[in-house]
Amino acid sequence: MIAPHVVPVLDRAVHRLTRGKVLLSARMLPGLVLTVPGARTGRPRTTPLACMPEGEVEGAWILVGSNFGRTGHPAWTANLLARPDAAVVNWRGRDIPVRATLLEGEERARVWEAALAFWPPYAAYQRRVERQIRLFRVERR
């Protein structure tokens, strides 16, 4: 599968060149750029991600740690677990400080169903792996 290697690189380059105005992957799904300090290094890590906007106001998003159905959790999920109050999302060219919450239990189940309705391929990603795909809600701080 080539997408996990090519899409993030292209997204980062286009996002930088357009000063945060364009994400190529957002042509398929809404997208944002997450910046969070690395769990081990503390250095800022920037990752373009598909997202599911939540609510009427642009202040909360669901992030799905599918890793394109690959075995391990994506690194950005470990970074959010380590530093949930230090993240920033770039949404439509604006930097927004956010707080991340790992969803669990009934809330996770409810949001997972909404995510599957939003982007059905997540079900195929989950079938490919033994781990439970992490879901995060990021909200304005």
C-alpha atoms as a PDB file:
ATOM      1  CA  MET A   1       0.000   0.000   0.000  1.00  0.00           C
ATOM      2  CA  ILE A   2       1.579   3.251  -1.142  1.00  0.00           C
ATOM      3  CA  ALA A   3      -0.921   5.763   0.343  1.00  0.00           C
ATOM      4  CA  PRO A   4       0.484   5.692   3.914  1.00  0.00           C
ATOM      5  CA  HIS A   5       3.875   6.736   2.572  1.00  0.00           C
ATOM      6  CA  VAL A   6       2.923   9.267  -0.098  1.00  0.00           C
ATOM      7  CA  VAL A   7      -0.190  11.073   1.191  1.00  0.00           C
ATOM      8  CA  PRO A   8       1.331  12.491   4.422  1.00  0.00           C
ATOM      9  CA  VAL A   9       4.454  13.730   2.596  1.00  0.00           C
ATOM     10  CA  LEU A  10       2.415  15.462  -0.106  1.00  0.00           C
ATOM     11  CA  ASP A  11       0.012  16.904   2.456  1.00  0.00           C
ATOM     12  CA  ARG A  12       2.837  18.388   4.561  1.00  0.00           C
ATOM     13  CA  ALA A  13       4.477  19.951   1.498  1.00  0.00           C
ATOM     14  CA  VAL A  14       1.284  21.440   0.049  1.00  0.00           C
ATOM     15  CA  HIS A  15       0.139  22.642   3.487  1.00  0.00           C
ATOM     16  CA  ARG A  16       3.467  24.418   4.013  1.00  0.00           C
ATOM     17  CA  LEU A  17       3.496  25.938   0.503  1.00  0.00           C
ATOM     18  CA  THR A  18      -0.064  27.245   0.830  1.00  0.00           C
ATOM     19  CA  ARG A  19       0.491  28.551   4.375  1.00  0.00           C
ATOM     20  CA  GLY A  20      -2.068  26.154   5.817  1.00  0.00           C
ATOM     21  CA  LYS A  21      -4.817  26.810   3.300  1.00  0.00           C
ATOM     22  CA  VAL A  22      -4.769  23.488   1.387  1.00  0.00           C
ATOM     23  CA  LEU A  23      -4.604  19.807   2.314  1.00  0.00           C
ATOM     24  CA  LEU A  24      -4.764  17.487  -0.696  1.00  0.00           C
ATOM     25  CA  SER A  25      -6.257  14.614   1.326  1.00  0.00           C
ATOM     26  CA  ALA A  26      -9.080  16.912   2.438  1.00  0.00           C
ATOM     27  CA  ARG A  27     -10.510  16.524  -1.068  1.00  0.00           C
ATOM     28  CA  MET A  28     -11.732  13.069   0.079  1.00  0.00           C
ATOM     29  CA  LEU A  29     -12.350  13.715   3.775  1.00  0.00           C
ATOM     30  CA  PRO A  30     -12.117  16.765   6.006  1.00  0.00           C
ATOM     31  CA  GLY A  31      -8.545  17.172   7.168  1.00  0.00           C
ATOM     32  CA  LEU A  32      -6.462  19.041   9.668  1.00  0.00           C
ATOM     33  CA  VAL A  33      -2.805  19.186  10.604  1.00  0.00           C
ATOM     34  CA  LEU A  34      -1.977  18.067  14.134  1.00  0.00           C
ATOM     35  CA  THR A  35       1.136  19.343  15.896  1.00  0.00           C
ATOM     36  CA  VAL A  36       1.976  17.795  19.259  1.00  0.00           C
ATOM     37  CA  PRO A  37       5.275  17.350  21.107  1.00  0.00           C
ATOM     38  CA  GLY A  38       6.801  13.906  20.636  1.00  0.00           C
ATOM     39  CA  ALA A  39       6.186  11.507  23.539  1.00  0.00           C
ATOM     40  CA  ARG A  40       9.908  10.805  23.954  1.00  0.00           C
ATOM     41  CA  THR A  41      11.688  13.783  22.427  1.00  0.00           C
ATOM     42  CA  GLY A  42       9.336  16.638  23.242  1.00  0.00           C
ATOM     43  CA  ARG A  43      10.059  18.056  19.775  1.00  0.00           C
ATOM     44  CA  PRO A  44       7.028  19.222  17.782  1.00  0.00           C
ATOM     45  CA  ARG A  45       5.651  16.518  15.472  1.00  0.00           C
ATOM     46  CA  THR A  46       3.361  17.581  12.647  1.00  0.00           C
ATOM     47  CA  THR A  47       0.969  15.125  11.009  1.00  0.00           C
ATOM     48  CA  PRO A  48      -1.764  15.729   8.415  1.00  0.00           C
ATOM     49  CA  LEU A  49      -4.848  13.707   9.400  1.00  0.00           C
ATOM     50  CA  ALA A  50      -8.347  13.023   8.216  1.00  0.00           C
ATOM     51  CA  CYS A  51     -10.842  14.131  10.817  1.00  0.00           C
ATOM     52  CA  MET A  52     -14.518  14.043  11.595  1.00  0.00           C
ATOM     53  CA  PRO A  53     -15.716  17.500  12.682  1.00  0.00           C
ATOM     54  CA  GLU A  54     -18.042  17.250  15.650  1.00  0.00           C
ATOM     55  CA  GLY A  55     -20.889  19.636  16.392  1.00  0.00           C
ATOM     56  CA  GLU A  56     -22.014  22.834  14.720  1.00  0.00           C
ATOM     57  CA  VAL A  57     -19.169  25.055  15.942  1.00  0.00           C
ATOM     58  CA  GLU A  58     -15.637  24.479  14.671  1.00  0.00           C
ATOM     59  CA  GLY A  59     -14.248  23.495  18.037  1.00  0.00           C
ATOM     60  CA  ALA A  60     -14.124  19.698  18.249  1.00  0.00           C
ATOM     61  CA  TRP A  61     -12.882  16.956  15.957  1.00  0.00           C
ATOM     62  CA  ILE A  62     -12.644  13.168  16.102  1.00  0.00           C
ATOM     63  CA  LEU A  63      -9.294  11.689  15.089  1.00  0.00           C
ATOM     64  CA  VAL A  64      -9.098   8.005  14.145  1.00  0.00           C
ATOM     65  CA  GLY A  65      -5.777   6.231  14.707  1.00  0.00           C
ATOM     66  CA  SER A  66      -6.343   3.741  11.904  1.00  0.00           C
ATOM     67  CA  ASN A  67      -2.798   3.913  10.510  1.00  0.00           C
ATOM     68  CA  PHE A  68      -4.340   2.816   7.183  1.00  0.00           C
ATOM     69  CA  GLY A  69      -5.007  -0.602   8.753  1.00  0.00           C
ATOM     70  CA  ARG A  70      -1.360  -1.294   9.527  1.00  0.00           C
ATOM     71  CA  THR A  71      -0.281  -3.253  12.602  1.00  0.00           C
ATOM     72  CA  GLY A  72       0.956  -0.621  15.061  1.00  0.00           C
ATOM     73  CA  HIS A  73      -0.735   2.442  16.479  1.00  0.00           C
ATOM     74  CA  PRO A  74       0.353   5.590  14.629  1.00  0.00           C
ATOM     75  CA  ALA A  75       3.012   7.610  16.475  1.00  0.00           C
ATOM     76  CA  TRP A  76       0.780  10.672  16.787  1.00  0.00           C
ATOM     77  CA  THR A  77      -1.555   8.699  19.081  1.00  0.00           C
ATOM     78  CA  ALA A  78       1.274   8.023  21.563  1.00  0.00           C
ATOM     79  CA  ASN A  79       2.165  11.710  21.430  1.00  0.00           C
ATOM     80  CA  LEU A  80      -1.421  12.708  22.273  1.00  0.00           C
ATOM     81  CA  LEU A  81      -1.541  10.188  25.123  1.00  0.00           C
ATOM     82  CA  ALA A  82       1.700  11.616  26.555  1.00  0.00           C
ATOM     83  CA  ARG A  83       0.819  15.300  26.072  1.00  0.00           C
ATOM     84  CA  PRO A  84      -2.954  15.702  25.656  1.00  0.00           C
ATOM     85  CA  ASP A  85      -2.920  19.395  26.601  1.00  0.00           C
ATOM     86  CA  ALA A  86      -0.061  20.433  24.340  1.00  0.00           C
ATOM     87  CA  ALA A  87      -1.584  19.834  20.899  1.00  0.00           C
ATOM     88  CA  VAL A  88      -2.468  22.356  18.214  1.00  0.00           C
ATOM     89  CA  VAL A  89      -4.557  21.696  15.130  1.00  0.00           C
ATOM     90  CA  ASN A  90      -4.389  23.726  11.977  1.00  0.00           C
ATOM     91  CA  TRP A  91      -7.951  23.846  10.679  1.00  0.00           C
ATOM     92  CA  ARG A  92      -8.587  25.713   7.453  1.00  0.00           C
ATOM     93  CA  GLY A  93      -5.415  27.736   7.870  1.00  0.00           C
ATOM     94  CA  ARG A  94      -5.945  28.649  11.545  1.00  0.00           C
ATOM     95  CA  ASP A  95      -3.901  27.284  14.460  1.00  0.00           C
ATOM     96  CA  ILE A  96      -6.176  26.199  17.322  1.00  0.00           C
ATOM     97  CA  PRO A  97      -4.818  24.963  20.693  1.00  0.00           C
ATOM     98  CA  VAL A  98      -6.670  21.772  21.651  1.00  0.00           C
ATOM     99  CA  ARG A  99      -6.995  19.207  24.443  1.00  0.00           C
ATOM    100  CA  ALA A 100      -7.110  15.534  23.420  1.00  0.00           C
ATOM    101  CA  THR A 101      -9.187  12.831  25.078  1.00  0.00           C
ATOM    102  CA  LEU A 102      -8.845   9.117  24.309  1.00  0.00           C
ATOM    103  CA  LEU A 103     -12.368   7.767  23.907  1.00  0.00           C
ATOM    104  CA  GLU A 104     -13.227   4.567  25.721  1.00  0.00           C
ATOM    105  CA  GLY A 105     -16.199   2.376  26.631  1.00  0.00           C
ATOM    106  CA  GLU A 106     -19.701   3.331  25.537  1.00  0.00           C
ATOM    107  CA  GLU A 107     -18.607   6.738  24.284  1.00  0.00           C
ATOM    108  CA  ARG A 108     -15.978   5.134  22.061  1.00  0.00           C
ATOM    109  CA  ALA A 109     -18.544   2.633  20.737  1.00  0.00           C
ATOM    110  CA  ARG A 110     -20.974   5.436  19.881  1.00  0.00           C
ATOM    111  CA  VAL A 111     -18.321   7.547  18.161  1.00  0.00           C
ATOM    112  CA  TRP A 112     -16.912   4.491  16.318  1.00  0.00           C
ATOM    113  CA  GLU A 113     -20.367   3.876  14.783  1.00  0.00           C
ATOM    114  CA  ALA A 114     -20.500   7.518  13.690  1.00  0.00           C
ATOM    115  CA  ALA A 115     -16.976   7.212  12.229  1.00  0.00           C
ATOM    116  CA  LEU A 116     -17.999   4.107  10.259  1.00  0.00           C
ATOM    117  CA  ALA A 117     -20.991   5.956   8.832  1.00  0.00           C
ATOM    118  CA  PHE A 118     -18.715   8.906   7.993  1.00  0.00           C
ATOM    119  CA  TRP A 119     -15.958   6.795   6.344  1.00  0.00           C
ATOM    120  CA  PRO A 120     -16.887   3.089   5.893  1.00  0.00           C
ATOM    121  CA  PRO A 121     -13.301   1.956   5.044  1.00  0.00           C
ATOM    122  CA  TYR A 122     -12.459   2.262   8.766  1.00  0.00           C
ATOM    123  CA  ALA A 123     -14.257  -1.092   9.215  1.00  0.00           C
ATOM    124  CA  ALA A 124     -11.825  -2.776   6.794  1.00  0.00           C
ATOM    125  CA  TYR A 125      -8.883  -1.193   8.606  1.00  0.00           C
ATOM    126  CA  GLN A 126     -10.129  -2.590  11.931  1.00  0.00           C
ATOM    127  CA  ARG A 127     -10.598  -6.091  10.451  1.00  0.00           C
ATOM    128  CA  ARG A 128      -6.948  -6.122   9.321  1.00  0.00           C
ATOM    129  CA  VAL A 129      -5.506  -5.549  12.798  1.00  0.00           C
ATOM    130  CA  GLU A 130      -5.795  -7.158  16.224  1.00  0.00           C
ATOM    131  CA  ARG A 131      -5.387  -3.867  18.123  1.00  0.00           C
ATOM    132  CA  GLN A 132      -8.366  -1.639  18.843  1.00  0.00           C
ATOM    133  CA  ILE A 133      -8.079   1.481  16.727  1.00  0.00           C
ATOM    134  CA  ARG A 134      -7.686   4.512  19.002  1.00  0.00           C
ATOM    135  CA  LEU A 135     -10.230   7.311  18.776  1.00  0.00           C
ATOM    136  CA  PHE A 136      -9.542  10.781  20.130  1.00  0.00           C
ATOM    137  CA  ARG A 137     -11.699  13.818  20.554  1.00  0.00           C
ATOM    138  CA  VAL A 138      -9.710  17.037  20.297  1.00  0.00           C
ATOM    139  CA  GLU A 139     -11.431  20.187  21.578  1.00  0.00           C
ATOM    140  CA  ARG A 140     -10.473  23.839  21.759  1.00  0.00           C
ATOM    141  CA  ARG A 141      -8.623  24.765  24.948  1.00  0.00           C
END
